[in-house]
């Protein structure tokens, strides 16, 4: 199997992290992967907010715990907030943000890091995060990505491929 398919198959959402710092070069590579995600008409409507500030991470954890699975936000040395600007792409921005999230999660995995994927779009947590970062209402928060050295190795399980396929 090629390395891309292997990374896709082996990536897992990580919710427990070691306290070790993550190097700036690895963070830049993860962000670069997000930048190269596909988007409708190449509009690239995303914005990535990177925080290492423990106070901000504590606030993110607090506002997230009421409506989404928030595990890993406090523990991870870095959290990336994936946002999109609906003014740039009012119809497909959310999909672009999800594609950027997936690219960054795969890049982190390929670098030996653990990355969580906390979807917040459309939840009470999203509104609270918009307020926390003073984002305009046209900027939507798609996901939070806690990033760090993993302190767990979850196993993957998938339903059989035949359950998803129809040939006509």
C-alpha atoms as a PDB file:
ATOM      1  CA  UNK A   1       0.000   0.000   0.000  1.00  0.00           C
ATOM      2  CA  UNK A   2       1.373   3.460  -0.779  1.00  0.00           C
ATOM      3  CA  UNK A   3       2.290   5.910   1.988  1.00  0.00           C
ATOM      4  CA  UNK A   4      -0.742   8.188   1.518  1.00  0.00           C
ATOM      5  CA  UNK A   5      -3.196   5.298   1.814  1.00  0.00           C
ATOM      6  CA  UNK A   6      -1.239   3.931   4.771  1.00  0.00           C
ATOM      7  CA  UNK A   7      -1.433   7.321   6.543  1.00  0.00           C
ATOM      8  CA  UNK A   8      -5.179   7.531   5.853  1.00  0.00           C
ATOM      9  CA  UNK A   9      -5.723   4.018   7.184  1.00  0.00           C
ATOM     10  CA  UNK A  10      -3.576   4.447  10.304  1.00  0.00           C
ATOM     11  CA  UNK A  11      -4.499   7.986  11.410  1.00  0.00           C
ATOM     12  CA  UNK A  12      -6.579   8.113  14.583  1.00  0.00           C
ATOM     13  CA  UNK A  13      -8.083  10.910  16.604  1.00  0.00           C
ATOM     14  CA  UNK A  14      -5.836  11.355  19.635  1.00  0.00           C
ATOM     15  CA  UNK A  15      -7.295  12.640  22.891  1.00  0.00           C
ATOM     16  CA  UNK A  16      -4.382  12.080  25.280  1.00  0.00           C
ATOM     17  CA  UNK A  17      -1.052  13.838  24.869  1.00  0.00           C
ATOM     18  CA  UNK A  18       2.364  13.915  26.490  1.00  0.00           C
ATOM     19  CA  UNK A  19       3.455  17.359  27.730  1.00  0.00           C
ATOM     20  CA  UNK A  20       6.469  17.512  25.364  1.00  0.00           C
ATOM     21  CA  UNK A  21       6.548  20.647  23.185  1.00  0.00           C
ATOM     22  CA  UNK A  22       6.007  20.428  19.436  1.00  0.00           C
ATOM     23  CA  UNK A  23       8.658  22.044  17.240  1.00  0.00           C
ATOM     24  CA  UNK A  24       7.739  25.103  15.186  1.00  0.00           C
ATOM     25  CA  UNK A  25       8.849  23.404  11.975  1.00  0.00           C
ATOM     26  CA  UNK A  26       6.342  20.583  12.482  1.00  0.00           C
ATOM     27  CA  UNK A  27       3.560  23.057  13.219  1.00  0.00           C
ATOM     28  CA  UNK A  28       4.415  24.931  10.006  1.00  0.00           C
ATOM     29  CA  UNK A  29       4.300  21.668   8.034  1.00  0.00           C
ATOM     30  CA  UNK A  30       0.868  20.880   9.468  1.00  0.00           C
ATOM     31  CA  UNK A  31      -0.400  24.367   8.588  1.00  0.00           C
ATOM     32  CA  UNK A  32       1.092  24.042   5.105  1.00  0.00           C
ATOM     33  CA  UNK A  33      -0.889  20.820   4.631  1.00  0.00           C
ATOM     34  CA  UNK A  34      -4.051  22.728   5.567  1.00  0.00           C
ATOM     35  CA  UNK A  35      -3.185  25.457   3.092  1.00  0.00           C
ATOM     36  CA  UNK A  36      -3.010  22.880   0.280  1.00  0.00           C
ATOM     37  CA  UNK A  37      -6.448  21.418   0.955  1.00  0.00           C
ATOM     38  CA  UNK A  38      -8.932  21.504  -1.911  1.00  0.00           C
ATOM     39  CA  UNK A  39     -11.535  24.256  -1.996  1.00  0.00           C
ATOM     40  CA  UNK A  40     -14.272  25.259  -4.416  1.00  0.00           C
ATOM     41  CA  UNK A  41     -12.789  27.333  -7.263  1.00  0.00           C
ATOM     42  CA  UNK A  42      -9.561  27.460  -5.238  1.00  0.00           C
ATOM     43  CA  UNK A  43     -11.080  30.178  -3.030  1.00  0.00           C
ATOM     44  CA  UNK A  44      -9.127  29.016   0.053  1.00  0.00           C
ATOM     45  CA  UNK A  45     -11.550  30.492   2.629  1.00  0.00           C
ATOM     46  CA  UNK A  46      -9.711  29.205   5.698  1.00  0.00           C
ATOM     47  CA  UNK A  47      -8.011  30.885   8.603  1.00  0.00           C
ATOM     48  CA  UNK A  48      -5.933  28.966  11.142  1.00  0.00           C
ATOM     49  CA  UNK A  49      -5.482  30.228  14.692  1.00  0.00           C
ATOM     50  CA  UNK A  50      -2.611  28.546  16.542  1.00  0.00           C
ATOM     51  CA  UNK A  51      -2.413  28.727  20.312  1.00  0.00           C
ATOM     52  CA  UNK A  52       0.024  27.374  22.855  1.00  0.00           C
ATOM     53  CA  UNK A  53      -1.315  29.654  25.590  1.00  0.00           C
ATOM     54  CA  UNK A  54      -2.564  27.516  28.469  1.00  0.00           C
ATOM     55  CA  UNK A  55      -5.136  30.116  29.527  1.00  0.00           C
ATOM     56  CA  UNK A  56      -6.661  30.149  26.030  1.00  0.00           C
ATOM     57  CA  UNK A  57      -6.599  26.348  25.886  1.00  0.00           C
ATOM     58  CA  UNK A  58      -8.391  26.231  29.256  1.00  0.00           C
ATOM     59  CA  UNK A  59     -11.036  28.604  27.923  1.00  0.00           C
ATOM     60  CA  UNK A  60     -11.418  26.544  24.736  1.00  0.00           C
ATOM     61  CA  UNK A  61     -11.851  23.425  26.853  1.00  0.00           C
ATOM     62  CA  UNK A  62     -14.437  25.128  29.060  1.00  0.00           C
ATOM     63  CA  UNK A  63     -16.596  26.451  26.207  1.00  0.00           C
ATOM     64  CA  UNK A  64     -16.315  23.174  24.283  1.00  0.00           C
ATOM     65  CA  UNK A  65     -17.239  20.764  27.050  1.00  0.00           C
ATOM     66  CA  UNK A  66     -20.907  21.757  27.020  1.00  0.00           C
ATOM     67  CA  UNK A  67     -21.633  20.696  23.450  1.00  0.00           C
ATOM     68  CA  UNK A  68     -18.815  18.607  21.964  1.00  0.00           C
ATOM     69  CA  UNK A  69     -16.299  15.966  22.955  1.00  0.00           C
ATOM     70  CA  UNK A  70     -13.496  18.209  24.164  1.00  0.00           C
ATOM     71  CA  UNK A  71     -10.833  15.744  25.313  1.00  0.00           C
ATOM     72  CA  UNK A  72      -7.217  16.723  24.691  1.00  0.00           C
ATOM     73  CA  UNK A  73      -7.552  20.492  24.489  1.00  0.00           C
ATOM     74  CA  UNK A  74      -5.914  21.137  27.881  1.00  0.00           C
ATOM     75  CA  UNK A  75      -3.239  18.448  27.496  1.00  0.00           C
ATOM     76  CA  UNK A  76      -2.054  19.168  23.954  1.00  0.00           C
ATOM     77  CA  UNK A  77       0.850  21.617  23.726  1.00  0.00           C
ATOM     78  CA  UNK A  78      -0.750  23.213  20.638  1.00  0.00           C
ATOM     79  CA  UNK A  79      -4.342  23.723  19.507  1.00  0.00           C
ATOM     80  CA  UNK A  80      -5.179  24.815  15.975  1.00  0.00           C
ATOM     81  CA  UNK A  81      -8.562  26.468  15.486  1.00  0.00           C
ATOM     82  CA  UNK A  82      -9.726  25.890  11.916  1.00  0.00           C
ATOM     83  CA  UNK A  83     -11.988  28.684  10.680  1.00  0.00           C
ATOM     84  CA  UNK A  84     -13.491  29.644   7.339  1.00  0.00           C
ATOM     85  CA  UNK A  85     -14.727  32.963   6.021  1.00  0.00           C
ATOM     86  CA  UNK A  86     -18.222  32.637   4.549  1.00  0.00           C
ATOM     87  CA  UNK A  87     -17.748  35.958   2.704  1.00  0.00           C
ATOM     88  CA  UNK A  88     -15.069  34.324   0.561  1.00  0.00           C
ATOM     89  CA  UNK A  89     -17.151  31.213  -0.142  1.00  0.00           C
ATOM     90  CA  UNK A  90     -20.724  31.306   1.170  1.00  0.00           C
ATOM     91  CA  UNK A  91     -21.672  27.907  -0.283  1.00  0.00           C
ATOM     92  CA  UNK A  92     -18.721  25.576   0.262  1.00  0.00           C
ATOM     93  CA  UNK A  93     -16.593  27.079   3.048  1.00  0.00           C
ATOM     94  CA  UNK A  94     -17.491  24.393   5.591  1.00  0.00           C
ATOM     95  CA  UNK A  95     -16.370  21.601   3.255  1.00  0.00           C
ATOM     96  CA  UNK A  96     -13.121  23.462   2.611  1.00  0.00           C
ATOM     97  CA  UNK A  97     -12.555  23.748   6.355  1.00  0.00           C
ATOM     98  CA  UNK A  98     -13.187  20.017   6.791  1.00  0.00           C
ATOM     99  CA  UNK A  99     -10.745  19.227   3.970  1.00  0.00           C
ATOM    100  CA  UNK A 100      -8.111  21.458   5.593  1.00  0.00           C
ATOM    101  CA  UNK A 101      -8.776  19.727   8.922  1.00  0.00           C
ATOM    102  CA  UNK A 102      -8.267  16.304   7.351  1.00  0.00           C
ATOM    103  CA  UNK A 103      -5.064  17.391   5.608  1.00  0.00           C
ATOM    104  CA  UNK A 104      -3.650  18.743   8.875  1.00  0.00           C
ATOM    105  CA  UNK A 105      -4.637  15.621  10.804  1.00  0.00           C
ATOM    106  CA  UNK A 106      -2.921  13.428   8.202  1.00  0.00           C
ATOM    107  CA  UNK A 107       0.157  15.653   8.145  1.00  0.00           C
ATOM    108  CA  UNK A 108       0.447  15.518  11.934  1.00  0.00           C
ATOM    109  CA  UNK A 109       0.155  11.737  11.848  1.00  0.00           C
ATOM    110  CA  UNK A 110       2.822  11.518   9.133  1.00  0.00           C
ATOM    111  CA  UNK A 111       5.142  13.555  11.374  1.00  0.00           C
ATOM    112  CA  UNK A 112       4.703  11.149  14.290  1.00  0.00           C
ATOM    113  CA  UNK A 113       2.371  13.479  16.167  1.00  0.00           C
ATOM    114  CA  UNK A 114      -1.095  12.905  17.515  1.00  0.00           C
ATOM    115  CA  UNK A 115      -3.901  15.134  16.343  1.00  0.00           C
ATOM    116  CA  UNK A 116      -7.418  15.274  17.721  1.00  0.00           C
ATOM    117  CA  UNK A 117     -10.361  16.299  15.588  1.00  0.00           C
ATOM    118  CA  UNK A 118     -13.033  18.166  17.485  1.00  0.00           C
ATOM    119  CA  UNK A 119     -15.852  19.252  15.202  1.00  0.00           C
ATOM    120  CA  UNK A 120     -17.542  22.401  16.502  1.00  0.00           C
ATOM    121  CA  UNK A 121     -19.365  23.826  13.476  1.00  0.00           C
ATOM    122  CA  UNK A 122     -23.022  24.441  14.259  1.00  0.00           C
ATOM    123  CA  UNK A 123     -22.712  23.883  18.020  1.00  0.00           C
ATOM    124  CA  UNK A 124     -22.929  26.152  21.056  1.00  0.00           C
ATOM    125  CA  UNK A 125     -19.158  25.707  21.320  1.00  0.00           C
ATOM    126  CA  UNK A 126     -18.690  27.340  17.924  1.00  0.00           C
ATOM    127  CA  UNK A 127     -20.510  30.503  19.012  1.00  0.00           C
ATOM    128  CA  UNK A 128     -18.501  30.651  22.234  1.00  0.00           C
ATOM    129  CA  UNK A 129     -15.209  30.212  20.346  1.00  0.00           C
ATOM    130  CA  UNK A 130     -16.200  32.953  17.883  1.00  0.00           C
ATOM    131  CA  UNK A 131     -16.757  35.231  20.880  1.00  0.00           C
ATOM    132  CA  UNK A 132     -13.549  34.137  22.634  1.00  0.00           C
ATOM    133  CA  UNK A 133     -11.430  35.036  19.588  1.00  0.00           C
ATOM    134  CA  UNK A 134     -13.595  38.033  18.643  1.00  0.00           C
ATOM    135  CA  UNK A 135     -14.265  36.629  15.180  1.00  0.00           C
ATOM    136  CA  UNK A 136     -16.732  38.338  12.856  1.00  0.00           C
ATOM    137  CA  UNK A 137     -20.024  36.491  12.367  1.00  0.00           C
ATOM    138  CA  UNK A 138     -19.018  35.627   8.797  1.00  0.00           C
ATOM    139  CA  UNK A 139     -16.088  33.610  10.171  1.00  0.00           C
ATOM    140  CA  UNK A 140     -17.215  30.126  11.138  1.00  0.00           C
ATOM    141  CA  UNK A 141     -15.254  27.758  13.349  1.00  0.00           C
ATOM    142  CA  UNK A 142     -15.138  24.309  11.777  1.00  0.00           C
ATOM    143  CA  UNK A 143     -12.892  22.371  14.143  1.00  0.00           C
ATOM    144  CA  UNK A 144     -10.313  22.351  16.894  1.00  0.00           C
ATOM    145  CA  UNK A 145      -7.137  20.328  16.407  1.00  0.00           C
ATOM    146  CA  UNK A 146      -5.215  19.529  19.587  1.00  0.00           C
ATOM    147  CA  UNK A 147      -1.683  18.594  18.460  1.00  0.00           C
ATOM    148  CA  UNK A 148       1.118  16.911  20.372  1.00  0.00           C
ATOM    149  CA  UNK A 149       3.008  13.740  21.064  1.00  0.00           C
ATOM    150  CA  UNK A 150       0.395  11.008  21.543  1.00  0.00           C
ATOM    151  CA  UNK A 151      -0.050   9.317  24.900  1.00  0.00           C
ATOM    152  CA  UNK A 152      -2.383   6.648  23.513  1.00  0.00           C
ATOM    153  CA  UNK A 153      -2.611   4.351  20.496  1.00  0.00           C
ATOM    154  CA  UNK A 154      -6.263   3.744  19.669  1.00  0.00           C
ATOM    155  CA  UNK A 155      -7.067   0.930  17.284  1.00  0.00           C
ATOM    156  CA  UNK A 156      -9.177   1.526  14.213  1.00  0.00           C
ATOM    157  CA  UNK A 157     -12.248  -0.369  13.155  1.00  0.00           C
ATOM    158  CA  UNK A 158     -14.248   0.032   9.994  1.00  0.00           C
ATOM    159  CA  UNK A 159     -17.376  -1.552   8.620  1.00  0.00           C
ATOM    160  CA  UNK A 160     -16.853  -3.685   5.508  1.00  0.00           C
ATOM    161  CA  UNK A 161     -16.423  -1.687   2.297  1.00  0.00           C
ATOM    162  CA  UNK A 162     -19.320  -3.532   0.697  1.00  0.00           C
ATOM    163  CA  UNK A 163     -21.726  -1.755   3.062  1.00  0.00           C
ATOM    164  CA  UNK A 164     -20.921   1.600   1.430  1.00  0.00           C
ATOM    165  CA  UNK A 165     -20.849   0.751  -2.262  1.00  0.00           C
ATOM    166  CA  UNK A 166     -23.502   0.599  -4.939  1.00  0.00           C
ATOM    167  CA  UNK A 167     -22.714  -0.080  -8.562  1.00  0.00           C
ATOM    168  CA  UNK A 168     -25.407   0.855 -11.048  1.00  0.00           C
END
